[in-house]
Protein backbone atom coordinates (compact mmCIF):
# COMPACT_ATOMS: atom_id res chain seq x y z
CA MET A 1 99.19 67.62 135.27
CA SER A 2 96.94 65.64 137.59
CA LYS A 3 94.16 63.55 136.13
CA LYS A 4 91.61 65.80 137.85
CA GLY A 5 93.21 68.89 136.32
CA SER A 6 93.26 67.25 132.91
CA GLN A 7 89.56 66.46 133.08
CA LYS A 8 88.79 70.16 133.56
CA LEU A 9 90.46 70.80 130.20
CA LYS A 10 88.67 68.00 128.39
CA LEU A 11 86.20 70.18 126.46
CA LEU A 12 88.96 72.61 125.45
CA TYR A 13 91.15 69.83 124.10
CA LEU A 14 88.17 68.28 122.31
CA CYS A 15 87.32 71.64 120.72
CA ARG A 16 90.93 72.15 119.58
CA TYR A 17 91.12 68.65 118.13
CA LEU A 18 87.93 69.03 116.12
CA LEU A 19 88.96 72.45 114.80
CA ARG A 20 92.45 71.35 113.77
CA SER A 21 91.94 67.73 112.71
CA SER A 22 88.48 67.52 111.19
CA ASP A 23 86.58 68.91 108.25
CA GLU A 24 83.84 67.66 105.94
CA GLU A 25 86.28 65.54 103.96
CA HIS A 26 88.10 64.29 107.05
CA PRO A 27 85.67 63.40 109.87
CA VAL A 28 87.17 61.88 113.02
CA THR A 29 85.69 58.90 114.82
CA THR A 30 84.83 58.65 118.47
CA GLY A 31 87.77 56.25 118.77
CA ASP A 32 90.07 58.90 117.26
CA ILE A 33 88.85 61.41 119.84
CA ILE A 34 89.35 59.01 122.76
CA ALA A 35 92.87 58.21 121.55
CA TYR A 36 93.71 61.91 121.21
CA LEU A 37 92.42 62.70 124.70
CA ALA A 38 94.40 59.78 126.10
CA ARG A 39 97.57 61.38 124.70
CA GLN A 40 96.66 64.44 126.77
CA ASP A 41 96.32 62.21 129.85
CA ILE A 42 92.53 62.51 129.78
CA ALA A 43 90.42 59.38 130.18
CA ALA A 44 87.12 59.37 128.29
CA GLU A 45 84.29 56.96 127.53
CA ARG A 46 82.13 56.95 124.42
CA LYS A 47 79.02 58.19 126.21
CA SER A 48 80.93 61.12 127.73
CA ILE A 49 82.24 62.03 124.26
CA TYR A 50 78.69 62.22 122.90
CA ASP A 51 77.70 64.44 125.86
CA ASP A 52 80.72 66.67 125.21
CA LEU A 53 79.88 67.00 121.52
CA ASP A 54 76.35 68.08 122.48
CA ALA A 55 77.82 70.63 124.90
CA LEU A 56 79.97 72.09 122.10
CA ARG A 57 76.90 72.32 119.87
CA GLN A 58 75.00 74.18 122.59
CA PHE A 59 77.98 76.52 122.90
CA GLY A 60 77.59 77.36 119.19
CA LEU A 61 80.20 75.16 117.52
CA ASP A 62 78.88 73.56 114.33
CA VAL A 63 79.71 69.95 115.20
CA GLN A 64 78.40 67.64 112.48
CA THR A 65 78.02 63.87 112.78
CA VAL A 66 77.97 61.70 109.65
CA ARG A 67 77.75 58.00 109.01
CA ARG A 68 79.76 56.58 106.12
CA GLY A 69 79.22 52.89 105.79
CA ALA A 70 79.77 51.30 109.17
CA VAL A 71 81.80 54.25 110.47
CA THR A 72 80.41 57.30 112.29
CA GLY A 73 82.51 60.44 112.18
CA HIS A 74 82.41 63.97 113.52
CA PHE A 75 83.68 67.23 112.03
CA ILE A 76 83.36 71.00 112.23
CA GLY A 77 81.01 72.31 109.54
CA GLN A 78 80.64 76.10 109.41
CA ARG A 79 83.66 78.01 110.69
CA GLU A 80 84.37 81.66 111.28
CA PHE A 81 86.24 81.61 107.95
CA GLN A 82 85.55 79.08 105.23
CA LEU A 83 88.41 77.78 103.09
CA PRO A 84 87.55 79.89 99.98
CA GLU A 85 87.52 83.01 102.19
CA LEU A 86 90.93 82.13 103.63
CA LYS A 87 92.26 81.61 100.11
CA LEU A 88 91.15 85.14 99.24
CA LEU A 89 92.94 86.49 102.31
CA VAL A 90 96.09 84.52 101.47
CA ASP A 91 95.98 85.91 97.92
CA SER A 92 95.70 89.43 99.33
CA VAL A 93 98.70 88.93 101.60
CA GLN A 94 100.74 87.41 98.77
CA SER A 95 99.99 90.21 96.35
CA SER A 96 100.55 93.07 98.80
CA ARG A 97 103.95 94.58 98.11
CA PHE A 98 103.90 96.65 101.28
CA ILE A 99 103.95 93.46 103.39
CA THR A 100 107.48 92.10 103.73
CA GLU A 101 108.28 88.49 102.87
CA LYS A 102 108.86 87.64 106.53
CA LYS A 103 105.57 89.14 107.68
CA SER A 104 103.71 87.59 104.72
CA LEU A 105 104.77 84.12 105.79
CA GLU A 106 103.86 84.89 109.41
CA LEU A 107 100.39 86.14 108.46
CA ILE A 108 99.72 83.20 106.16
CA GLY A 109 100.76 80.86 108.97
CA LYS A 110 98.18 82.51 111.23
CA LEU A 111 95.53 82.24 108.53
CA GLU A 112 96.32 78.54 108.20
CA SER A 113 95.52 78.11 111.91
CA LEU A 114 91.92 79.21 111.21
CA THR A 115 91.14 76.04 109.30
CA SER A 116 91.83 72.34 109.71
CA GLU A 117 95.33 70.97 109.15
CA HIS A 118 94.03 69.51 105.89
CA GLY A 119 92.77 72.90 104.73
CA ALA A 120 96.03 74.48 105.91
CA ARG A 121 97.96 72.23 103.55
CA ALA A 122 95.73 73.37 100.69
CA LEU A 123 96.47 76.99 101.60
CA HIS A 124 100.20 76.37 101.94
CA ARG A 125 100.40 74.88 98.45
CA GLU A 126 99.21 78.25 97.12
CA VAL A 127 101.90 80.29 98.86
CA TYR A 128 104.18 82.05 96.34
CA VAL A 129 105.78 84.69 98.53
CA ARG A 130 109.47 83.97 98.25
CA GLY A 131 111.21 85.94 95.54
CA ARG A 132 108.39 88.46 95.12
CA ILE A 133 109.17 92.18 95.28
CA LYS A 134 108.26 93.14 98.82
CA ALA A 135 108.62 96.17 101.05
CA MET A 136 111.87 96.63 102.98
CA ASN A 137 110.31 98.34 106.01
CA GLU A 138 108.99 95.86 108.59
CA SER A 139 107.62 98.62 110.83
CA ILE A 140 104.72 99.44 108.48
CA TYR A 141 102.30 97.37 110.59
CA TYR A 142 103.04 99.46 113.67
CA ASN A 143 102.88 102.65 111.61
CA VAL A 144 99.37 101.81 110.41
CA ASP A 145 98.29 101.08 113.99
CA ALA A 146 99.78 104.34 115.27
CA ILE A 147 98.05 106.36 112.54
CA HIS A 148 94.69 104.69 113.23
CA ASP A 149 95.08 105.49 116.94
CA ALA A 150 95.80 109.15 116.18
CA ILE A 151 92.78 109.41 113.87
CA GLY A 152 90.56 107.79 116.49
CA LEU A 153 91.80 110.14 119.22
CA ASP A 154 91.68 113.21 116.92
CA ARG A 155 95.38 114.00 117.43
CA ALA A 156 98.12 115.34 115.16
CA ILE A 157 101.29 113.29 114.75
CA THR A 158 104.98 113.89 114.16
CA PHE A 159 107.27 111.61 112.17
CA ARG A 160 110.40 111.45 110.07
CA TYR A 161 110.25 110.67 106.35
CA PHE A 162 112.83 109.06 104.09
CA GLU A 163 113.69 107.83 100.60
CA TRP A 164 115.95 104.93 99.62
CA SER A 165 119.41 105.57 98.23
CA VAL A 166 121.15 103.49 95.55
CA ALA A 167 123.02 101.81 98.40
CA LYS A 168 119.64 100.84 99.94
CA GLU A 169 120.20 103.26 102.81
CA ARG A 170 117.66 105.69 104.19
CA ILE A 171 118.03 109.33 103.16
CA TRP A 172 116.03 111.49 105.54
CA LYS A 173 113.88 114.24 104.04
CA ARG A 174 114.33 117.70 105.58
CA ASN A 175 117.64 116.42 106.97
CA GLY A 176 115.74 114.30 109.45
CA GLN A 177 113.60 117.10 110.87
CA LEU A 178 110.14 116.11 112.08
CA TYR A 179 107.00 116.54 110.01
CA GLN A 180 103.84 117.49 111.91
CA VAL A 181 100.54 116.75 110.21
CA SER A 182 96.92 115.90 111.00
CA PRO A 183 96.15 112.37 109.72
CA TRP A 184 92.66 111.90 108.28
CA ALA A 185 92.70 108.68 106.29
CA LEU A 186 94.69 105.67 105.15
CA MET A 187 94.34 104.53 101.56
CA TRP A 188 95.64 101.73 99.37
CA ASP A 189 96.82 102.76 95.91
CA ASP A 190 99.19 101.30 93.33
CA GLU A 191 100.14 98.45 95.71
CA ASN A 192 101.20 100.83 98.49
CA TYR A 193 99.70 102.21 101.71
CA TYR A 194 99.38 105.99 101.99
CA MET A 195 98.40 108.32 104.79
CA VAL A 196 96.33 111.30 103.63
CA ALA A 197 96.82 114.21 106.00
CA TYR A 198 96.46 117.94 106.43
CA ASP A 199 99.84 119.63 106.56
CA ASN A 200 99.48 122.07 109.46
CA GLU A 201 102.36 124.27 108.28
CA ALA A 202 101.72 124.30 104.52
CA GLY A 203 97.95 124.58 104.93
CA PHE A 204 96.83 121.95 102.42
CA ILE A 205 96.30 118.20 101.98
CA LYS A 206 99.29 115.92 101.38
CA HIS A 207 99.91 112.20 101.28
CA PHE A 208 102.82 110.09 102.54
CA ARG A 209 103.95 106.51 101.91
CA VAL A 210 103.39 104.72 105.22
CA ASP A 211 106.36 102.39 104.72
CA LYS A 212 108.65 105.44 104.43
CA MET A 213 107.53 106.96 107.71
CA SER A 214 109.50 106.48 110.91
CA SER A 215 109.37 107.48 114.58
CA ILE A 216 105.64 108.25 114.54
CA CYS A 217 104.55 110.02 117.71
CA GLN A 218 101.12 111.20 118.72
CA THR A 219 101.02 114.78 119.95
CA ASP A 220 98.66 116.49 122.38
CA GLN A 221 97.55 118.82 119.58
CA PRO A 222 94.07 118.28 118.07
CA ARG A 223 93.91 117.60 114.34
CA GLN A 224 93.51 120.50 111.95
CA GLY A 225 91.99 120.65 108.47
CA ALA A 226 88.50 119.33 109.22
CA GLU A 227 87.00 121.86 106.80
CA ASN A 228 89.24 120.53 104.01
CA PHE A 229 88.00 116.99 104.54
CA GLY A 230 84.31 117.80 104.93
CA GLN A 231 83.60 117.13 101.25
CA PHE A 232 86.80 115.22 100.56
CA ASN A 233 86.46 112.43 97.99
CA MET A 234 89.14 109.81 98.54
CA THR A 235 88.46 108.05 95.25
CA ALA A 236 88.74 111.27 93.26
CA TYR A 237 91.96 112.13 95.09
CA SER A 238 93.47 108.75 94.23
CA ASP A 239 92.31 108.96 90.60
CA SER A 240 93.86 112.39 90.12
CA HIS A 241 97.26 111.46 91.62
CA PHE A 242 98.74 108.91 89.23
CA GLY A 243 100.89 106.50 91.21
CA MET A 244 100.27 108.89 94.13
CA PHE A 245 102.92 111.28 92.72
CA SER A 246 102.46 114.88 93.78
CA GLY A 247 101.66 117.66 91.33
CA GLN A 248 99.22 120.47 90.65
CA VAL A 249 95.76 119.00 90.16
CA GLN A 250 93.99 120.63 87.25
CA ALA A 251 91.30 119.91 84.69
CA VAL A 252 92.92 118.21 81.70
CA ARG A 253 91.14 117.49 78.42
CA LEU A 254 92.38 114.35 76.69
CA ALA A 255 91.70 112.67 73.35
CA PHE A 256 91.72 108.89 72.84
CA GLU A 257 91.01 106.41 70.10
CA ASN A 258 87.65 104.73 70.60
CA GLY A 259 89.33 101.41 71.33
CA LEU A 260 90.73 102.86 74.56
CA ALA A 261 87.33 103.59 76.12
CA GLY A 262 87.72 100.61 78.45
CA ALA A 263 91.14 101.78 79.65
CA VAL A 264 89.78 105.25 80.38
CA ILE A 265 86.78 103.88 82.29
CA ASP A 266 89.05 101.52 84.26
CA ARG A 267 91.18 104.50 85.29
CA PHE A 268 88.53 107.16 85.95
CA GLY A 269 85.37 105.13 86.61
CA ALA A 270 82.11 104.56 84.77
CA GLY A 271 80.86 108.04 85.69
CA VAL A 272 83.34 109.80 83.41
CA SER A 273 81.86 111.51 80.33
CA LEU A 274 83.20 110.27 76.97
CA ILE A 275 82.46 112.85 74.28
CA PRO A 276 82.82 111.85 70.60
CA LEU A 277 85.29 113.96 68.60
CA ASP A 278 84.93 112.15 65.29
CA ALA A 279 84.20 108.64 64.08
CA GLU A 280 87.41 107.26 65.61
CA HIS A 281 88.14 109.42 68.67
CA PHE A 282 86.53 110.71 71.85
CA SER A 283 87.55 113.27 74.45
CA VAL A 284 87.35 113.24 78.23
CA THR A 285 88.02 115.94 80.83
CA VAL A 286 89.48 114.76 84.12
CA ASN A 287 91.15 116.24 87.16
CA ALA A 288 94.76 115.06 87.27
CA ALA A 289 98.03 115.95 88.92
CA VAL A 290 100.16 116.84 85.90
CA ASN A 291 103.45 115.06 86.58
CA VAL A 292 105.80 112.51 85.04
CA GLN A 293 103.63 109.62 86.25
CA PHE A 294 100.64 111.07 84.43
CA PHE A 295 102.75 111.54 81.29
CA GLY A 296 103.99 107.97 81.60
CA TRP A 297 100.42 106.67 81.74
CA LEU A 298 99.56 108.58 78.55
CA CYS A 299 102.77 107.47 76.82
CA GLY A 300 101.70 103.89 77.38
CA PHE A 301 99.04 104.43 74.70
CA GLY A 302 101.53 105.85 72.20
CA PRO A 303 99.95 107.98 69.43
CA ARG A 304 96.49 106.74 70.40
CA ALA A 305 96.17 109.37 73.18
CA ARG A 306 97.09 113.04 73.53
CA ILE A 307 96.52 116.11 75.69
CA LEU A 308 94.18 118.69 74.15
CA ALA A 309 94.12 121.25 76.96
CA PRO A 310 95.38 123.17 78.78
CA ALA A 311 98.14 124.24 76.41
CA SER A 312 100.63 124.39 79.29
CA ALA A 313 100.10 120.71 80.09
CA ALA A 314 100.41 119.75 76.40
CA ALA A 315 103.64 121.74 76.13
CA GLU A 316 105.02 120.11 79.29
CA MET A 317 104.14 116.70 77.86
CA GLY A 318 105.99 117.62 74.66
CA ARG A 319 109.11 118.58 76.61
CA HIS A 320 108.91 115.37 78.60
CA VAL A 321 108.69 113.20 75.48
CA ALA A 322 111.42 115.18 73.73
CA ALA A 323 113.80 114.76 76.66
CA ILE A 324 113.28 111.01 76.61
CA ALA A 325 113.66 110.86 72.82
CA ALA A 326 116.96 112.76 73.06
CA MET A 327 118.36 110.05 75.32
CA TYR A 328 117.90 107.52 72.52
CA ASP A 329 118.92 109.72 69.59
CA THR A 330 121.64 107.68 67.90
CA THR A 331 122.50 110.50 65.49
CA LEU A 332 124.16 112.56 68.22
């Protein structure tokens, strides 16, 4: 690159150097800047550096100048993302099971580029991605984007849906035939991404694991089911579908020991009504999809929780527990 061409890039190189090499704990001197620019084949004098720093300030970059002893240094103060904010984002990426290990490391690498190299090292020391249980489907990022596009354009979509076999192979639902639904929302529940949609054929709301969707295509058909989503409460839907397992949602009356009030509020929210039954127990009525996941949640409390009504749900719970107990009956 000619010297003239390099000079045109001077401010860009200076901006990059300050963003990547400086922070409050690591200011760079004017001499450091001149040496860096020289490595880019850009000649610079001290006065021109001061003028350039002023130009970056006028542009909106928070260039700070500090004097420590006999040394004057410069650094970037406020950034688009501060280090504590980036740590929160890194934690979110690390803890998200739907993000594969490969993509987690890629995303964290990009987050590291938003701070100085010194801050990036602090972020990297907190990376604990390898060995974590992560999703196996790398295409989830494109699936999410495709679903958002369809929602924004008010279009139905088609896709194929699968489950994993013991051999870690895809088993296509409906023998690989296409689903056609109207997507209305994406939600995060139980460490997984779900699409909530109106099933055009069945005529009611369903949800699908986004990482188990494939071959998503936008159709030219407008979405259906707007009337079903007019008063739709996403939080209530998530609360009623334990682990997002399907099942008939119905009002279920439960009894708990008083010591489990916190667990009930954590699950159903502070707005749930806790009604005393006696000195040691309370009851609560909630809308829940009665399925094995719901029974499993109750079983986690042992004899401290039980179903009071409806009788059909209590009987189904009894059969569920009996079937499990039979598996461990050593007298047989």
